[in-house]
């Protein structure tokens, strides 16, 4: 059996980080938005009992630590199925950029195996497996284009998608590890940095337009991450100067993205960033429509 699927990237149009829970995780409030930029995944299922990974793209480290492999193993274990699952991953979403690529790969594997073995893992167990793999995995598993996340980001409310818009992704030549970003945020707050403290904005309404999304846009990781990487602030401010209606760090970084009304404005932003941040890779995509 062979299945091919896409694993889309995401940006966070809003990300507030609140108190740490007894579980050790922080409570967050976020707004996920899926992008057209995606990885491509082919899954072959045959007789056997191994999970294999072949990557067309950058080195992703040991296969046993890869979220897509862990997703396949978790599914087979819960389904009680002994099969060989060969995953071919054409990697296009940058690694460590706050775009959710690894989480999306894991969700794509879960969705595909669920189609190949219908009913083998019931819906609630599949969602629990997704949440155990990572806080962003449930969003990608649900397949929403726009969704509000709470809890660890895994409690989702599906929202009507906004009109598709051009997105410029500014991809620095370095990642930002999620664990490090949370540690920096906690350190800054413990040190009395008020710019790193989340405000009241909990419970922001679902945006009915991009103008409303821009008014609500915030990312609590910007202060601690920009302090360590001031060049990312330059990128964000340059996107805004060039006419982005919304420009933010995505997730914990390192990607900075801008939403533009049209391709001309986006082109002006590219020219400005090439002059101010020549080492940054630029990628054009759009918010997803399906």
C-alpha atoms as a PDB file:
ATOM      1  CA  UNK A   1       0.000   0.000   0.000  1.00  0.00           C
ATOM      2  CA  UNK A   2       1.268   3.457  -0.900  1.00  0.00           C
ATOM      3  CA  UNK A   3      -0.083   6.881   0.028  1.00  0.00           C
ATOM      4  CA  UNK A   4       1.213  10.365  -0.733  1.00  0.00           C
ATOM      5  CA  UNK A   5       0.275  13.446   1.265  1.00  0.00           C
ATOM      6  CA  UNK A   6       1.345  16.981   2.105  1.00  0.00           C
ATOM      7  CA  UNK A   7       2.392  18.330   5.487  1.00  0.00           C
ATOM      8  CA  UNK A   8       1.779  22.103   5.544  1.00  0.00           C
ATOM      9  CA  UNK A   9       3.684  24.682   7.559  1.00  0.00           C
ATOM     10  CA  UNK A  10       1.992  27.139   9.908  1.00  0.00           C
ATOM     11  CA  UNK A  11       2.514  30.541  11.423  1.00  0.00           C
ATOM     12  CA  UNK A  12       1.151  31.838  14.711  1.00  0.00           C
ATOM     13  CA  UNK A  13      -0.839  35.021  14.172  1.00  0.00           C
ATOM     14  CA  UNK A  14      -1.052  35.366  17.938  1.00  0.00           C
ATOM     15  CA  UNK A  15       0.896  33.699  20.761  1.00  0.00           C
ATOM     16  CA  UNK A  16       0.480  34.562  24.441  1.00  0.00           C
ATOM     17  CA  UNK A  17       2.356  32.542  27.047  1.00  0.00           C
ATOM     18  CA  UNK A  18       0.865  32.405  30.532  1.00  0.00           C
ATOM     19  CA  UNK A  19       1.844  30.600  33.721  1.00  0.00           C
ATOM     20  CA  UNK A  20       3.656  27.288  33.916  1.00  0.00           C
ATOM     21  CA  UNK A  21       1.321  24.425  34.869  1.00  0.00           C
ATOM     22  CA  UNK A  22       2.094  21.656  37.402  1.00  0.00           C
ATOM     23  CA  UNK A  23       2.691  19.414  34.379  1.00  0.00           C
ATOM     24  CA  UNK A  24       5.711  21.583  33.549  1.00  0.00           C
ATOM     25  CA  UNK A  25       4.100  23.012  30.412  1.00  0.00           C
ATOM     26  CA  UNK A  26       3.106  26.648  30.030  1.00  0.00           C
ATOM     27  CA  UNK A  27      -0.489  27.593  29.358  1.00  0.00           C
ATOM     28  CA  UNK A  28      -0.714  29.348  26.012  1.00  0.00           C
ATOM     29  CA  UNK A  29      -3.245  31.123  23.865  1.00  0.00           C
ATOM     30  CA  UNK A  30      -2.500  31.043  20.155  1.00  0.00           C
ATOM     31  CA  UNK A  31      -3.956  31.449  16.687  1.00  0.00           C
ATOM     32  CA  UNK A  32      -2.689  28.912  14.146  1.00  0.00           C
ATOM     33  CA  UNK A  33      -2.767  29.672  10.421  1.00  0.00           C
ATOM     34  CA  UNK A  34      -1.823  27.009   7.855  1.00  0.00           C
ATOM     35  CA  UNK A  35       0.388  27.869   4.873  1.00  0.00           C
ATOM     36  CA  UNK A  36       0.728  26.518   1.342  1.00  0.00           C
ATOM     37  CA  UNK A  37       4.417  25.783   1.962  1.00  0.00           C
ATOM     38  CA  UNK A  38       4.594  22.094   2.799  1.00  0.00           C
ATOM     39  CA  UNK A  39       6.668  18.949   3.065  1.00  0.00           C
ATOM     40  CA  UNK A  40       5.752  16.017   0.828  1.00  0.00           C
ATOM     41  CA  UNK A  41       5.423  12.560   2.354  1.00  0.00           C
ATOM     42  CA  UNK A  42       5.136   9.145   0.712  1.00  0.00           C
ATOM     43  CA  UNK A  43       4.277   6.161   2.895  1.00  0.00           C
ATOM     44  CA  UNK A  44       4.642   2.545   1.808  1.00  0.00           C
ATOM     45  CA  UNK A  45       3.205  -0.214   3.989  1.00  0.00           C
ATOM     46  CA  UNK A  46       4.376  -3.788   3.561  1.00  0.00           C
ATOM     47  CA  UNK A  47       4.839  -6.978   5.548  1.00  0.00           C
ATOM     48  CA  UNK A  48       7.346  -6.702   8.376  1.00  0.00           C
ATOM     49  CA  UNK A  49       7.767  -4.746  11.575  1.00  0.00           C
ATOM     50  CA  UNK A  50      10.126  -1.827  10.968  1.00  0.00           C
ATOM     51  CA  UNK A  51       9.603   1.902  10.549  1.00  0.00           C
ATOM     52  CA  UNK A  52      12.049   3.299   7.977  1.00  0.00           C
ATOM     53  CA  UNK A  53      12.807   6.915   7.125  1.00  0.00           C
ATOM     54  CA  UNK A  54      14.368   8.361   3.971  1.00  0.00           C
ATOM     55  CA  UNK A  55      14.833  12.141   3.833  1.00  0.00           C
ATOM     56  CA  UNK A  56      15.202  14.246   0.704  1.00  0.00           C
ATOM     57  CA  UNK A  57      16.559  17.422   2.278  1.00  0.00           C
ATOM     58  CA  UNK A  58      18.652  18.476   5.279  1.00  0.00           C
ATOM     59  CA  UNK A  59      20.014  16.097   7.879  1.00  0.00           C
ATOM     60  CA  UNK A  60      17.288  15.652  10.494  1.00  0.00           C
ATOM     61  CA  UNK A  61      19.343  13.683  12.971  1.00  0.00           C
ATOM     62  CA  UNK A  62      18.686  10.118  14.212  1.00  0.00           C
ATOM     63  CA  UNK A  63      15.621   8.521  12.634  1.00  0.00           C
ATOM     64  CA  UNK A  64      14.389   7.157  15.971  1.00  0.00           C
ATOM     65  CA  UNK A  65      14.047  10.726  17.261  1.00  0.00           C
ATOM     66  CA  UNK A  66      12.121  11.986  14.231  1.00  0.00           C
ATOM     67  CA  UNK A  67       8.509  12.878  14.988  1.00  0.00           C
ATOM     68  CA  UNK A  68       7.221  11.184  11.826  1.00  0.00           C
ATOM     69  CA  UNK A  69       8.893   7.912  12.835  1.00  0.00           C
ATOM     70  CA  UNK A  70       7.624   8.220  16.396  1.00  0.00           C
ATOM     71  CA  UNK A  71       4.113   8.878  15.065  1.00  0.00           C
ATOM     72  CA  UNK A  72       4.196   5.739  12.912  1.00  0.00           C
ATOM     73  CA  UNK A  73       5.496   3.589  15.767  1.00  0.00           C
ATOM     74  CA  UNK A  74       2.915   5.003  18.162  1.00  0.00           C
ATOM     75  CA  UNK A  75       0.099   4.299  15.709  1.00  0.00           C
ATOM     76  CA  UNK A  76       1.195   0.718  14.990  1.00  0.00           C
ATOM     77  CA  UNK A  77       1.574  -0.012  18.699  1.00  0.00           C
ATOM     78  CA  UNK A  78      -1.890   1.287  19.537  1.00  0.00           C
ATOM     79  CA  UNK A  79      -3.427  -0.435  16.515  1.00  0.00           C
ATOM     80  CA  UNK A  80      -1.783  -3.754  17.365  1.00  0.00           C
ATOM     81  CA  UNK A  81      -0.592  -3.988  13.773  1.00  0.00           C
ATOM     82  CA  UNK A  82       2.745  -5.512  12.688  1.00  0.00           C
ATOM     83  CA  UNK A  83       3.708  -3.863   9.410  1.00  0.00           C
ATOM     84  CA  UNK A  84       6.736  -2.259   7.833  1.00  0.00           C
ATOM     85  CA  UNK A  85       6.153   1.451   7.288  1.00  0.00           C
ATOM     86  CA  UNK A  86       8.611   3.188   4.963  1.00  0.00           C
ATOM     87  CA  UNK A  87       8.402   6.988   5.110  1.00  0.00           C
ATOM     88  CA  UNK A  88       9.951   9.089   2.353  1.00  0.00           C
ATOM     89  CA  UNK A  89      10.065  12.726   3.433  1.00  0.00           C
ATOM     90  CA  UNK A  90      10.732  15.481   0.926  1.00  0.00           C
ATOM     91  CA  UNK A  91      11.661  18.248   3.364  1.00  0.00           C
ATOM     92  CA  UNK A  92      10.744  21.778   2.290  1.00  0.00           C
ATOM     93  CA  UNK A  93       9.631  23.405   5.566  1.00  0.00           C
ATOM     94  CA  UNK A  94      12.701  24.837   7.356  1.00  0.00           C
ATOM     95  CA  UNK A  95      13.804  23.068  10.525  1.00  0.00           C
ATOM     96  CA  UNK A  96      13.826  24.987  13.807  1.00  0.00           C
ATOM     97  CA  UNK A  97      12.078  27.983  12.314  1.00  0.00           C
ATOM     98  CA  UNK A  98       8.841  27.983  14.306  1.00  0.00           C
ATOM     99  CA  UNK A  99       6.847  26.801  11.282  1.00  0.00           C
ATOM    100  CA  UNK A 100       5.786  23.445  12.736  1.00  0.00           C
ATOM    101  CA  UNK A 101       7.353  21.261  10.067  1.00  0.00           C
ATOM    102  CA  UNK A 102       8.192  18.286  12.296  1.00  0.00           C
ATOM    103  CA  UNK A 103       4.790  18.400  13.977  1.00  0.00           C
ATOM    104  CA  UNK A 104       3.057  18.581  10.610  1.00  0.00           C
ATOM    105  CA  UNK A 105       5.049  15.581   9.348  1.00  0.00           C
ATOM    106  CA  UNK A 106       3.932  13.581  12.378  1.00  0.00           C
ATOM    107  CA  UNK A 107       0.294  14.545  11.863  1.00  0.00           C
ATOM    108  CA  UNK A 108       0.486  13.646   8.160  1.00  0.00           C
ATOM    109  CA  UNK A 109       1.776  10.182   9.066  1.00  0.00           C
ATOM    110  CA  UNK A 110      -1.049   9.703  11.586  1.00  0.00           C
ATOM    111  CA  UNK A 111      -3.698  10.811   9.076  1.00  0.00           C
ATOM    112  CA  UNK A 112      -2.288   8.535   6.387  1.00  0.00           C
ATOM    113  CA  UNK A 113      -2.079   5.470   8.593  1.00  0.00           C
ATOM    114  CA  UNK A 114      -5.591   6.169   9.832  1.00  0.00           C
ATOM    115  CA  UNK A 115      -6.781   6.037   6.213  1.00  0.00           C
ATOM    116  CA  UNK A 116      -4.827   2.844   5.511  1.00  0.00           C
ATOM    117  CA  UNK A 117      -6.046   1.140   8.706  1.00  0.00           C
ATOM    118  CA  UNK A 118      -9.514   2.654   9.250  1.00  0.00           C
ATOM    119  CA  UNK A 119     -10.844   2.223  12.761  1.00  0.00           C
ATOM    120  CA  UNK A 120      -7.665   0.595  14.062  1.00  0.00           C
ATOM    121  CA  UNK A 121      -7.068   3.568  16.382  1.00  0.00           C
ATOM    122  CA  UNK A 122     -10.269   5.339  17.436  1.00  0.00           C
ATOM    123  CA  UNK A 123     -10.492   9.130  17.187  1.00  0.00           C
ATOM    124  CA  UNK A 124      -9.880  10.042  20.832  1.00  0.00           C
ATOM    125  CA  UNK A 125      -6.837   7.755  21.045  1.00  0.00           C
ATOM    126  CA  UNK A 126      -5.469   9.237  17.808  1.00  0.00           C
ATOM    127  CA  UNK A 127      -5.861  12.760  19.185  1.00  0.00           C
ATOM    128  CA  UNK A 128      -4.186  11.725  22.447  1.00  0.00           C
ATOM    129  CA  UNK A 129      -1.278  10.277  20.490  1.00  0.00           C
ATOM    130  CA  UNK A 130      -0.959  13.512  18.519  1.00  0.00           C
ATOM    131  CA  UNK A 131      -0.898  15.603  21.712  1.00  0.00           C
ATOM    132  CA  UNK A 132       1.721  13.311  23.279  1.00  0.00           C
ATOM    133  CA  UNK A 133       3.994  13.846  20.265  1.00  0.00           C
ATOM    134  CA  UNK A 134       3.895  17.638  20.500  1.00  0.00           C
ATOM    135  CA  UNK A 135       1.698  20.636  21.235  1.00  0.00           C
ATOM    136  CA  UNK A 136       1.329  21.627  17.555  1.00  0.00           C
ATOM    137  CA  UNK A 137       0.565  18.131  16.242  1.00  0.00           C
ATOM    138  CA  UNK A 138      -3.199  18.232  17.081  1.00  0.00           C
ATOM    139  CA  UNK A 139      -3.637  21.374  14.941  1.00  0.00           C
ATOM    140  CA  UNK A 140      -2.131  19.675  11.909  1.00  0.00           C
ATOM    141  CA  UNK A 141      -4.025  16.452  12.593  1.00  0.00           C
ATOM    142  CA  UNK A 142      -7.341  18.347  12.612  1.00  0.00           C
ATOM    143  CA  UNK A 143      -6.570  19.844   9.196  1.00  0.00           C
ATOM    144  CA  UNK A 144      -7.970  23.282   9.981  1.00  0.00           C
ATOM    145  CA  UNK A 145      -6.784  26.316   8.035  1.00  0.00           C
ATOM    146  CA  UNK A 146      -7.295  28.623  11.028  1.00  0.00           C
ATOM    147  CA  UNK A 147      -7.766  27.569  14.642  1.00  0.00           C
ATOM    148  CA  UNK A 148      -7.462  28.974  18.140  1.00  0.00           C
ATOM    149  CA  UNK A 149      -5.362  26.910  20.524  1.00  0.00           C
ATOM    150  CA  UNK A 150      -5.378  26.898  24.316  1.00  0.00           C
ATOM    151  CA  UNK A 151      -3.967  24.704  27.065  1.00  0.00           C
ATOM    152  CA  UNK A 152      -0.595  23.650  25.656  1.00  0.00           C
ATOM    153  CA  UNK A 153      -1.923  24.721  22.260  1.00  0.00           C
ATOM    154  CA  UNK A 154      -3.556  21.328  21.837  1.00  0.00           C
ATOM    155  CA  UNK A 155      -7.118  22.348  22.808  1.00  0.00           C
ATOM    156  CA  UNK A 156      -8.473  23.608  19.503  1.00  0.00           C
ATOM    157  CA  UNK A 157     -11.369  25.688  18.265  1.00  0.00           C
ATOM    158  CA  UNK A 158     -11.807  25.606  14.489  1.00  0.00           C
ATOM    159  CA  UNK A 159     -12.340  29.083  12.993  1.00  0.00           C
ATOM    160  CA  UNK A 160     -13.525  30.293   9.579  1.00  0.00           C
ATOM    161  CA  UNK A 161     -10.411  30.848   7.439  1.00  0.00           C
ATOM    162  CA  UNK A 162      -9.424  34.334   6.380  1.00  0.00           C
ATOM    163  CA  UNK A 163      -8.968  35.138   2.664  1.00  0.00           C
ATOM    164  CA  UNK A 164      -5.717  33.792   1.270  1.00  0.00           C
ATOM    165  CA  UNK A 165      -2.910  36.356   1.451  1.00  0.00           C
ATOM    166  CA  UNK A 166       0.719  36.472   0.276  1.00  0.00           C
ATOM    167  CA  UNK A 167       3.219  35.670   3.003  1.00  0.00           C
ATOM    168  CA  UNK A 168       6.928  36.477   3.002  1.00  0.00           C
ATOM    169  CA  UNK A 169       9.010  34.211   5.214  1.00  0.00           C
ATOM    170  CA  UNK A 170      12.399  35.517   6.345  1.00  0.00           C
ATOM    171  CA  UNK A 171      14.526  32.506   7.267  1.00  0.00           C
ATOM    172  CA  UNK A 172      17.749  33.278   9.170  1.00  0.00           C
ATOM    173  CA  UNK A 173      20.729  30.896   8.857  1.00  0.00           C
ATOM    174  CA  UNK A 174      20.180  29.605  12.402  1.00  0.00           C
ATOM    175  CA  UNK A 175      17.365  27.869  14.311  1.00  0.00           C
ATOM    176  CA  UNK A 176      15.921  28.762  17.704  1.00  0.00           C
ATOM    177  CA  UNK A 177      15.257  25.747  19.901  1.00  0.00           C
ATOM    178  CA  UNK A 178      11.813  25.729  21.506  1.00  0.00           C
ATOM    179  CA  UNK A 179      13.188  24.709  24.909  1.00  0.00           C
ATOM    180  CA  UNK A 180      15.701  27.544  24.864  1.00  0.00           C
ATOM    181  CA  UNK A 181      13.038  30.108  23.945  1.00  0.00           C
ATOM    182  CA  UNK A 182      10.825  29.075  26.867  1.00  0.00           C
ATOM    183  CA  UNK A 183      13.829  29.165  29.207  1.00  0.00           C
ATOM    184  CA  UNK A 184      14.745  32.692  28.056  1.00  0.00           C
ATOM    185  CA  UNK A 185      11.161  33.834  28.546  1.00  0.00           C
ATOM    186  CA  UNK A 186      11.068  32.449  32.082  1.00  0.00           C
ATOM    187  CA  UNK A 187      14.458  33.980  32.913  1.00  0.00           C
ATOM    188  CA  UNK A 188      13.435  37.409  31.636  1.00  0.00           C
ATOM    189  CA  UNK A 189      10.175  37.346  33.554  1.00  0.00           C
ATOM    190  CA  UNK A 190      11.925  36.197  36.724  1.00  0.00           C
ATOM    191  CA  UNK A 191      14.356  39.084  36.257  1.00  0.00           C
ATOM    192  CA  UNK A 192      11.539  41.624  36.172  1.00  0.00           C
ATOM    193  CA  UNK A 193      11.493  42.318  32.432  1.00  0.00           C
ATOM    194  CA  UNK A 194       7.990  43.692  31.959  1.00  0.00           C
ATOM    195  CA  UNK A 195       8.232  43.497  28.153  1.00  0.00           C
ATOM    196  CA  UNK A 196       8.371  39.720  28.539  1.00  0.00           C
ATOM    197  CA  UNK A 197       5.210  39.513  30.662  1.00  0.00           C
ATOM    198  CA  UNK A 198       1.994  38.531  28.915  1.00  0.00           C
ATOM    199  CA  UNK A 199      -0.819  41.022  29.168  1.00  0.00           C
ATOM    200  CA  UNK A 200      -4.483  40.430  29.768  1.00  0.00           C
ATOM    201  CA  UNK A 201      -5.367  39.746  26.109  1.00  0.00           C
ATOM    202  CA  UNK A 202      -6.702  36.268  26.850  1.00  0.00           C
ATOM    203  CA  UNK A 203      -9.871  35.332  25.064  1.00  0.00           C
ATOM    204  CA  UNK A 204      -9.352  37.557  22.014  1.00  0.00           C
ATOM    205  CA  UNK A 205     -12.218  37.153  19.564  1.00  0.00           C
ATOM    206  CA  UNK A 206     -11.910  35.165  16.363  1.00  0.00           C
ATOM    207  CA  UNK A 207     -10.669  37.583  13.684  1.00  0.00           C
ATOM    208  CA  UNK A 208     -13.210  38.265  10.972  1.00  0.00           C
ATOM    209  CA  UNK A 209     -10.679  40.053   8.775  1.00  0.00           C
ATOM    210  CA  UNK A 210      -6.943  40.470   8.337  1.00  0.00           C
ATOM    211  CA  UNK A 211      -7.241  43.976   9.794  1.00  0.00           C
ATOM    212  CA  UNK A 212      -8.684  42.486  12.974  1.00  0.00           C
ATOM    213  CA  UNK A 213      -6.008  39.766  13.016  1.00  0.00           C
ATOM    214  CA  UNK A 214      -3.354  42.494  12.771  1.00  0.00           C
ATOM    215  CA  UNK A 215      -4.845  44.372  15.731  1.00  0.00           C
ATOM    216  CA  UNK A 216      -4.676  41.211  17.846  1.00  0.00           C
ATOM    217  CA  UNK A 217      -1.233  40.125  16.628  1.00  0.00           C
ATOM    218  CA  UNK A 218       1.360  39.555  19.362  1.00  0.00           C
ATOM    219  CA  UNK A 219       4.031  37.007  20.208  1.00  0.00           C
ATOM    220  CA  UNK A 220       5.358  36.868  23.755  1.00  0.00           C
ATOM    221  CA  UNK A 221       8.564  35.204  22.561  1.00  0.00           C
ATOM    222  CA  UNK A 222       9.639  38.268  20.600  1.00  0.00           C
ATOM    223  CA  UNK A 223      11.130  40.118  23.592  1.00  0.00           C
ATOM    224  CA  UNK A 224      13.393  37.292  24.837  1.00  0.00           C
ATOM    225  CA  UNK A 225      14.323  36.012  21.381  1.00  0.00           C
ATOM    226  CA  UNK A 226      15.024  39.485  19.970  1.00  0.00           C
ATOM    227  CA  UNK A 227      17.241  40.205  22.964  1.00  0.00           C
ATOM    228  CA  UNK A 228      19.431  37.232  22.019  1.00  0.00           C
ATOM    229  CA  UNK A 229      19.111  37.756  18.257  1.00  0.00           C
ATOM    230  CA  UNK A 230      18.624  41.501  17.616  1.00  0.00           C
ATOM    231  CA  UNK A 231      18.840  40.922  13.854  1.00  0.00           C
ATOM    232  CA  UNK A 232      15.390  39.311  14.038  1.00  0.00           C
ATOM    233  CA  UNK A 233      13.922  42.574  15.336  1.00  0.00           C
ATOM    234  CA  UNK A 234      15.491  44.362  12.356  1.00  0.00           C
ATOM    235  CA  UNK A 235      13.777  41.884  10.036  1.00  0.00           C
ATOM    236  CA  UNK A 236      10.368  42.292  11.684  1.00  0.00           C
ATOM    237  CA  UNK A 237      10.608  46.093  11.699  1.00  0.00           C
ATOM    238  CA  UNK A 238      11.730  46.098   8.063  1.00  0.00           C
ATOM    239  CA  UNK A 239       8.703  44.016   7.066  1.00  0.00           C
ATOM    240  CA  UNK A 240       6.424  46.500   8.798  1.00  0.00           C
ATOM    241  CA  UNK A 241       8.227  49.443   7.211  1.00  0.00           C
ATOM    242  CA  UNK A 242       7.768  47.859   3.787  1.00  0.00           C
ATOM    243  CA  UNK A 243       4.013  47.627   4.262  1.00  0.00           C
ATOM    244  CA  UNK A 244       3.280  44.301   5.927  1.00  0.00           C
ATOM    245  CA  UNK A 245      -0.152  44.478   7.526  1.00  0.00           C
ATOM    246  CA  UNK A 246       1.044  41.950  10.097  1.00  0.00           C
ATOM    247  CA  UNK A 247       4.656  40.984  10.890  1.00  0.00           C
ATOM    248  CA  UNK A 248       5.715  38.685  13.735  1.00  0.00           C
ATOM    249  CA  UNK A 249       8.125  36.078  14.895  1.00  0.00           C
ATOM    250  CA  UNK A 250       6.470  32.717  14.200  1.00  0.00           C
ATOM    251  CA  UNK A 251       6.184  30.452  17.204  1.00  0.00           C
ATOM    252  CA  UNK A 252       9.447  30.440  19.132  1.00  0.00           C
ATOM    253  CA  UNK A 253      11.354  31.467  15.979  1.00  0.00           C
ATOM    254  CA  UNK A 254      13.631  31.873  14.179  1.00  0.00           C
ATOM    255  CA  UNK A 255      11.381  32.606  11.169  1.00  0.00           C
ATOM    256  CA  UNK A 256       9.891  36.077  10.913  1.00  0.00           C
ATOM    257  CA  UNK A 257       6.906  36.446   8.588  1.00  0.00           C
ATOM    258  CA  UNK A 258       4.988  39.274   6.983  1.00  0.00           C
ATOM    259  CA  UNK A 259       1.444  39.299   5.592  1.00  0.00           C
ATOM    260  CA  UNK A 260       0.995  41.530   2.560  1.00  0.00           C
ATOM    261  CA  UNK A 261      -1.995  42.870   0.688  1.00  0.00           C
ATOM    262  CA  UNK A 262      -0.436  42.259  -2.719  1.00  0.00           C
ATOM    263  CA  UNK A 263       2.665  40.984  -4.507  1.00  0.00           C
ATOM    264  CA  UNK A 264       4.011  44.500  -5.191  1.00  0.00           C
ATOM    265  CA  UNK A 265       4.270  45.312  -1.494  1.00  0.00           C
ATOM    266  CA  UNK A 266       5.842  41.935  -0.862  1.00  0.00           C
ATOM    267  CA  UNK A 267       8.411  42.622  -3.588  1.00  0.00           C
ATOM    268  CA  UNK A 268       9.339  45.914  -1.931  1.00  0.00           C
ATOM    269  CA  UNK A 269       9.861  44.082   1.355  1.00  0.00           C
ATOM    270  CA  UNK A 270      12.151  41.559  -0.333  1.00  0.00           C
ATOM    271  CA  UNK A 271      14.296  44.344  -1.753  1.00  0.00           C
ATOM    272  CA  UNK A 272      14.557  46.040   1.637  1.00  0.00           C
ATOM    273  CA  UNK A 273      15.502  42.814   3.424  1.00  0.00           C
ATOM    274  CA  UNK A 274      18.123  41.920   0.827  1.00  0.00           C
ATOM    275  CA  UNK A 275      19.802  45.226   1.629  1.00  0.00           C
ATOM    276  CA  UNK A 276      19.459  45.049   5.428  1.00  0.00           C
ATOM    277  CA  UNK A 277      19.727  41.295   6.088  1.00  0.00           C
ATOM    278  CA  UNK A 278      21.640  39.733   3.181  1.00  0.00           C
ATOM    279  CA  UNK A 279      22.216  36.385   4.937  1.00  0.00           C
ATOM    280  CA  UNK A 280      18.491  35.755   5.396  1.00  0.00           C
ATOM    281  CA  UNK A 281      16.770  33.385   2.966  1.00  0.00           C
ATOM    282  CA  UNK A 282      13.444  34.661   1.677  1.00  0.00           C
ATOM    283  CA  UNK A 283      10.553  32.426   0.684  1.00  0.00           C
ATOM    284  CA  UNK A 284       7.181  33.435  -0.743  1.00  0.00           C
ATOM    285  CA  UNK A 285       4.087  31.441   0.117  1.00  0.00           C
ATOM    286  CA  UNK A 286       0.416  32.078   0.885  1.00  0.00           C
ATOM    287  CA  UNK A 287      -2.001  31.239   3.623  1.00  0.00           C
ATOM    288  CA  UNK A 288      -3.587  27.898   2.772  1.00  0.00           C
ATOM    289  CA  UNK A 289      -7.001  27.589   1.178  1.00  0.00           C
ATOM    290  CA  UNK A 290      -7.541  23.824   1.462  1.00  0.00           C
END
